[in-house]
C-alpha atoms as a PDB file:
ATOM      1  CA  MET A   1     -15.990 -14.404  23.021  1.00  0.00           C
ATOM      2  CA  VAL A   2     -17.010 -16.131  26.229  1.00  0.00           C
ATOM      3  CA  ARG A   3     -17.896 -19.761  26.656  1.00  0.00           C
ATOM      4  CA  LEU A   4     -20.549 -20.413  29.290  1.00  0.00           C
ATOM      5  CA  PHE A   5     -21.013 -23.808  30.920  1.00  0.00           C
ATOM      6  CA  SER A   6     -23.636 -25.172  33.204  1.00  0.00           C
ATOM      7  CA  GLY A   7     -23.611 -28.516  34.869  1.00  0.00           C
ATOM      8  CA  ARG A   8     -23.137 -30.151  38.205  1.00  0.00           C
ATOM      9  CA  PHE A   9     -20.241 -31.156  40.347  1.00  0.00           C
ATOM     10  CA  ASP A  10     -20.278 -34.633  41.954  1.00  0.00           C
ATOM     11  CA  ARG A  11     -18.484 -34.158  45.265  1.00  0.00           C
ATOM     12  CA  GLN A  12     -17.978 -37.865  45.907  1.00  0.00           C
ATOM     13  CA  ALA A  13     -16.518 -38.620  42.492  1.00  0.00           C
ATOM     14  CA  GLN A  14     -14.869 -35.194  42.275  1.00  0.00           C
ATOM     15  CA  THR A  15     -16.090 -34.830  38.673  1.00  0.00           C
ATOM     16  CA  TRP A  16     -17.912 -32.185  36.716  1.00  0.00           C
ATOM     17  CA  THR A  17     -20.793 -33.218  34.477  1.00  0.00           C
ATOM     18  CA  GLU A  18     -21.509 -30.690  31.758  1.00  0.00           C
ATOM     19  CA  GLU A  19     -25.207 -30.323  31.032  1.00  0.00           C
ATOM     20  CA  THR A  20     -25.186 -27.399  28.588  1.00  0.00           C
ATOM     21  CA  SER A  21     -22.733 -25.017  27.104  1.00  0.00           C
ATOM     22  CA  ARG A  22     -22.968 -22.106  24.725  1.00  0.00           C
ATOM     23  CA  THR A  23     -20.700 -19.549  23.224  1.00  0.00           C
ATOM     24  CA  VAL A  24     -21.573 -15.904  23.744  1.00  0.00           C
ATOM     25  CA  ARG A  25     -20.137 -13.276  21.448  1.00  0.00           C
ATOM     26  CA  PRO A  26     -20.545  -9.571  22.124  1.00  0.00           C
ATOM     27  CA  LYS A  27     -22.503  -7.637  19.533  1.00  0.00           C
ATOM     28  CA  ALA A  28     -20.277  -5.250  17.702  1.00  0.00           C
ATOM     29  CA  VAL A  29     -19.749  -3.808  14.286  1.00  0.00           C
ATOM     30  CA  ALA A  30     -16.131  -3.517  13.266  1.00  0.00           C
ATOM     31  CA  ARG A  31     -15.918   0.142  12.274  1.00  0.00           C
ATOM     32  CA  VAL A  32     -13.182   2.668  12.806  1.00  0.00           C
ATOM     33  CA  PRO A  33     -13.923   4.848  15.846  1.00  0.00           C
ATOM     34  CA  LEU A  34     -15.131   8.339  14.993  1.00  0.00           C
ATOM     35  CA  SER A  35     -12.837  11.290  15.383  1.00  0.00           C
ATOM     36  CA  THR A  36     -13.487  13.497  18.380  1.00  0.00           C
ATOM     37  CA  ASP A  37     -13.951  16.307  15.844  1.00  0.00           C
ATOM     38  CA  VAL A  38     -17.411  14.899  15.006  1.00  0.00           C
ATOM     39  CA  PRO A  39     -19.994  16.630  17.241  1.00  0.00           C
ATOM     40  CA  GLU A  40     -21.729  14.337  19.705  1.00  0.00           C
ATOM     41  CA  ALA A  41     -25.176  15.059  18.246  1.00  0.00           C
ATOM     42  CA  TYR A  42     -24.129  13.278  15.043  1.00  0.00           C
ATOM     43  CA  ALA A  43     -21.808  10.744  16.639  1.00  0.00           C
ATOM     44  CA  ALA A  44     -24.559   9.416  18.933  1.00  0.00           C
ATOM     45  CA  ASP A  45     -26.921   8.675  16.027  1.00  0.00           C
ATOM     46  CA  TYR A  46     -24.063   7.147  14.048  1.00  0.00           C
ATOM     47  CA  ARG A  47     -23.068   4.844  16.938  1.00  0.00           C
ATOM     48  CA  GLU A  48     -26.672   3.752  17.425  1.00  0.00           C
ATOM     49  CA  ALA A  49     -26.950   2.929  13.712  1.00  0.00           C
ATOM     50  CA  CYS A  50     -23.755   0.866  14.051  1.00  0.00           C
ATOM     51  CA  ASN A  51     -25.024  -0.939  17.146  1.00  0.00           C
ATOM     52  CA  VAL A  52     -28.289  -2.134  15.565  1.00  0.00           C
ATOM     53  CA  LEU A  53     -26.775  -3.081  12.200  1.00  0.00           C
ATOM     54  CA  VAL A  54     -26.357  -6.768  13.035  1.00  0.00           C
ATOM     55  CA  ASP A  55     -29.887  -7.164  14.423  1.00  0.00           C
ATOM     56  CA  SER A  56     -31.729  -4.927  11.951  1.00  0.00           C
ATOM     57  CA  PRO A  57     -30.154  -3.500   8.811  1.00  0.00           C
ATOM     58  CA  LYS A  58     -33.452  -1.714   8.173  1.00  0.00           C
ATOM     59  CA  ALA A  59     -33.289   0.066  11.547  1.00  0.00           C
ATOM     60  CA  SER A  60     -29.635   0.905  10.983  1.00  0.00           C
ATOM     61  CA  ALA A  61     -30.428   2.401   7.575  1.00  0.00           C
ATOM     62  CA  ALA A  62     -33.280   4.437   9.043  1.00  0.00           C
ATOM     63  CA  LEU A  63     -31.046   5.776  11.836  1.00  0.00           C
ATOM     64  CA  SER A  64     -28.301   6.578   9.331  1.00  0.00           C
ATOM     65  CA  ARG A  65     -30.782   8.507   7.207  1.00  0.00           C
ATOM     66  CA  ARG A  66     -31.969  10.411  10.274  1.00  0.00           C
ATOM     67  CA  CYS A  67     -28.357  11.343  11.054  1.00  0.00           C
ATOM     68  CA  LEU A  68     -27.776  12.315   7.430  1.00  0.00           C
ATOM     69  CA  GLN A  69     -30.854  14.535   7.385  1.00  0.00           C
ATOM     70  CA  HIS A  70     -29.745  16.248  10.595  1.00  0.00           C
ATOM     71  CA  LEU A  71     -26.268  16.791   9.109  1.00  0.00           C
ATOM     72  CA  LEU A  72     -27.664  18.202   5.859  1.00  0.00           C
ATOM     73  CA  ARG A  73     -29.999  20.611   7.641  1.00  0.00           C
ATOM     74  CA  GLU A  74     -27.548  21.803  10.284  1.00  0.00           C
ATOM     75  CA  LYS A  75     -24.154  21.696   8.575  1.00  0.00           C
ATOM     76  CA  ALA A  76     -24.957  21.902   4.855  1.00  0.00           C
ATOM     77  CA  GLN A  77     -27.810  24.341   5.510  1.00  0.00           C
ATOM     78  CA  VAL A  78     -30.234  22.696   3.068  1.00  0.00           C
ATOM     79  CA  LYS A  79     -33.842  23.827   3.095  1.00  0.00           C
ATOM     80  CA  PRO A  80     -35.896  21.415   5.258  1.00  0.00           C
ATOM     81  CA  SER A  81     -37.946  19.092   3.087  1.00  0.00           C
ATOM     82  CA  ASP A  82     -37.955  15.342   2.636  1.00  0.00           C
ATOM     83  CA  LEU A  83     -34.540  13.706   2.529  1.00  0.00           C
ATOM     84  CA  TYR A  84     -34.777  13.011  -1.197  1.00  0.00           C
ATOM     85  CA  ASN A  85     -35.103  16.727  -1.993  1.00  0.00           C
ATOM     86  CA  GLU A  86     -32.537  17.727   0.615  1.00  0.00           C
ATOM     87  CA  ILE A  87     -29.984  15.403  -0.973  1.00  0.00           C
ATOM     88  CA  GLN A  88     -30.833  16.798  -4.405  1.00  0.00           C
ATOM     89  CA  GLU A  89     -30.316  20.362  -3.159  1.00  0.00           C
ATOM     90  CA  LEU A  90     -26.900  19.425  -1.800  1.00  0.00           C
ATOM     91  CA  LEU A  91     -25.927  17.638  -5.008  1.00  0.00           C
ATOM     92  CA  ASP A  92     -27.094  20.578  -7.145  1.00  0.00           C
ATOM     93  CA  ARG A  93     -24.655  22.843  -5.304  1.00  0.00           C
ATOM     94  CA  GLY A  94     -21.711  20.793  -6.565  1.00  0.00           C
ATOM     95  CA  SER A  95     -19.848  21.350  -3.297  1.00  0.00           C
ATOM     96  CA  LEU A  96     -19.020  17.702  -2.590  1.00  0.00           C
ATOM     97  CA  PRO A  97     -16.212  15.683  -4.158  1.00  0.00           C
ATOM     98  CA  SER A  98     -17.715  13.446  -6.851  1.00  0.00           C
ATOM     99  CA  HIS A  99     -17.048  10.183  -4.979  1.00  0.00           C
ATOM    100  CA  ILE A 100     -18.969  11.452  -1.943  1.00  0.00           C
ATOM    101  CA  ALA A 101     -21.741  12.941  -4.098  1.00  0.00           C
ATOM    102  CA  ASP A 102     -22.254   9.614  -5.887  1.00  0.00           C
ATOM    103  CA  SER A 103     -22.544   7.758  -2.589  1.00  0.00           C
ATOM    104  CA  VAL A 104     -24.891  10.349  -1.064  1.00  0.00           C
ATOM    105  CA  ASP A 105     -27.074  10.004  -4.149  1.00  0.00           C
ATOM    106  CA  ALA A 106     -27.199   6.222  -3.653  1.00  0.00           C
ATOM    107  CA  VAL A 107     -28.489   6.727  -0.090  1.00  0.00           C
ATOM    108  CA  ARG A 108     -31.802   7.860  -1.542  1.00  0.00           C
ATOM    109  CA  ASN A 109     -32.372   4.463  -3.115  1.00  0.00           C
ATOM    110  CA  ILE A 110     -31.281   2.507  -0.042  1.00  0.00           C
ATOM    111  CA  GLY A 111     -33.463   4.741   2.104  1.00  0.00           C
ATOM    112  CA  ASN A 112     -36.551   3.975   0.114  1.00  0.00           C
ATOM    113  CA  PHE A 113     -36.140   0.298   0.980  1.00  0.00           C
ATOM    114  CA  ALA A 114     -35.651   1.168   4.662  1.00  0.00           C
ATOM    115  CA  SER A 115     -38.570   3.560   4.932  1.00  0.00           C
ATOM    116  CA  HIS A 116     -41.159   2.331   2.458  1.00  0.00           C
ATOM    117  CA  PRO A 117     -42.430  -1.156   1.573  1.00  0.00           C
ATOM    118  CA  ILE A 118     -41.168  -1.404  -2.002  1.00  0.00           C
ATOM    119  CA  LYS A 119     -42.051  -4.588  -3.847  1.00  0.00           C
ATOM    120  CA  SER A 120     -39.893  -6.373  -6.365  1.00  0.00           C
ATOM    121  CA  ARG A 121     -41.378  -6.304  -9.838  1.00  0.00           C
ATOM    122  CA  ALA A 122     -40.011  -9.808 -10.449  1.00  0.00           C
ATOM    123  CA  SER A 123     -41.232 -11.597  -7.318  1.00  0.00           C
ATOM    124  CA  GLY A 124     -43.800  -9.253  -5.777  1.00  0.00           C
ATOM    125  CA  GLU A 125     -42.032  -9.577  -2.410  1.00  0.00           C
ATOM    126  CA  ILE A 126     -41.049  -6.585  -0.297  1.00  0.00           C
ATOM    127  CA  VAL A 127     -37.400  -5.764  -0.979  1.00  0.00           C
ATOM    128  CA  PRO A 128     -35.407  -5.833   2.270  1.00  0.00           C
ATOM    129  CA  VAL A 129     -32.456  -3.667   3.205  1.00  0.00           C
ATOM    130  CA  GLU A 130     -29.357  -5.821   3.061  1.00  0.00           C
ATOM    131  CA  PRO A 131     -26.545  -5.423   5.639  1.00  0.00           C
ATOM    132  CA  GLY A 132     -24.160  -4.207   2.907  1.00  0.00           C
ATOM    133  CA  GLU A 133     -26.571  -1.441   1.963  1.00  0.00           C
ATOM    134  CA  ALA A 134     -26.961  -0.314   5.561  1.00  0.00           C
ATOM    135  CA  GLU A 135     -23.159  -0.342   5.924  1.00  0.00           C
ATOM    136  CA  TRP A 136     -22.922   1.843   2.825  1.00  0.00           C
ATOM    137  CA  ASN A 137     -25.080   4.407   4.632  1.00  0.00           C
ATOM    138  CA  LEU A 138     -22.581   4.354   7.491  1.00  0.00           C
ATOM    139  CA  ASP A 139     -19.713   4.757   5.017  1.00  0.00           C
ATOM    140  CA  VAL A 140     -21.456   7.804   3.524  1.00  0.00           C
ATOM    141  CA  LEU A 141     -21.834   9.345   6.969  1.00  0.00           C
ATOM    142  CA  GLU A 142     -18.143   8.748   7.692  1.00  0.00           C
ATOM    143  CA  SER A 143     -17.222  10.459   4.400  1.00  0.00           C
ATOM    144  CA  LEU A 144     -19.431  13.432   5.204  1.00  0.00           C
ATOM    145  CA  PHE A 145     -18.052  13.638   8.756  1.00  0.00           C
ATOM    146  CA  ASP A 146     -14.565  13.745   7.268  1.00  0.00           C
ATOM    147  CA  PHE A 147     -15.602  16.399   4.733  1.00  0.00           C
ATOM    148  CA  TYR A 148     -17.435  18.669   7.177  1.00  0.00           C
ATOM    149  CA  PHE A 149     -15.582  18.128  10.469  1.00  0.00           C
ATOM    150  CA  VAL A 150     -12.417  16.033  10.455  1.00  0.00           C
ATOM    151  CA  GLY A 151     -10.690  17.454   7.357  1.00  0.00           C
ATOM    152  CA  PRO A 152     -11.299  21.106   8.276  1.00  0.00           C
ATOM    153  CA  ALA A 153     -10.157  20.495  11.881  1.00  0.00           C
ATOM    154  CA  ARG A 154      -6.988  18.778  10.640  1.00  0.00           C
ATOM    155  CA  THR A 155      -6.278  21.650   8.239  1.00  0.00           C
ATOM    156  CA  GLN A 156      -6.887  24.227  10.969  1.00  0.00           C
ATOM    157  CA  ALA A 157      -4.519  22.422  13.341  1.00  0.00           C
ATOM    158  CA  ARG A 158      -1.799  22.398  10.678  1.00  0.00           C
ATOM    159  CA  LYS A 159      -2.418  26.047   9.899  1.00  0.00           C
ATOM    160  CA  ASP A 160      -2.239  26.943  13.607  1.00  0.00           C
ATOM    161  CA  ALA A 161       1.067  25.075  13.961  1.00  0.00           C
ATOM    162  CA  LEU A 162       2.509  26.839  10.902  1.00  0.00           C
ATOM    163  CA  ASN A 163       1.306  30.229  12.132  1.00  0.00           C
ATOM    164  CA  LYS A 164       2.988  29.628  15.482  1.00  0.00           C
ATOM    165  CA  LYS A 165       6.218  28.728  13.712  1.00  0.00           C
ATOM    166  CA  LEU A 166       5.949  31.797  11.454  1.00  0.00           C
ATOM    167  CA  ALA A 167       5.190  34.073  14.415  1.00  0.00           C
ATOM    168  CA  ASP A 168       8.143  32.640  16.375  1.00  0.00           C
ATOM    169  CA  ALA A 169      10.370  33.419  13.378  1.00  0.00           C
ATOM    170  CA  GLY A 170       9.019  36.966  13.140  1.00  0.00           C
ATOM    171  CA  LYS A 171       7.280  36.303   9.823  1.00  0.00           C
ATOM    172  CA  PRO A 172       3.692  37.244   8.864  1.00  0.00           C
ATOM    173  CA  THR A 173       1.136  34.511   9.610  1.00  0.00           C
ATOM    174  CA  LEU A 174      -1.337  32.901   7.235  1.00  0.00           C
ATOM    175  CA  LYS A 175      -4.782  34.381   7.094  1.00  0.00           C
END
């Protein structure tokens, strides 16, 4: 946080007269930094979604969905379609832990608010994307990054360390 002042200095009286002041806070979303195991192609979209969250939850949700679709097509190898069907294909495989699968499934509903003007049946007003919903999209991406990149890299590093220890001891290594 920085406090900015403007005013004038009276040289004769040796006094400062404040005319305006304002507090400036840097824009930032408090999120845990991504692991370096997450490829830059995904990390860049994720960071952009984080950076616009405060100004536009709708834009953040749309960017998160774009990142998710890229991840599903490239890493999960789903058949390209619309995101709704791509998510369904992934869920039908049963390859995700249930807590991640449930959250990925919820992204479809949040995404409809971000991408399409859906009206409330009660009020007739367009339903906005709330900041908490856009943050949930980011949480889902973090879970998927952990599942596809961070967890496997951590396991491989442990396996490599154990194999080195086994090899140094003259024992057969893990496959």
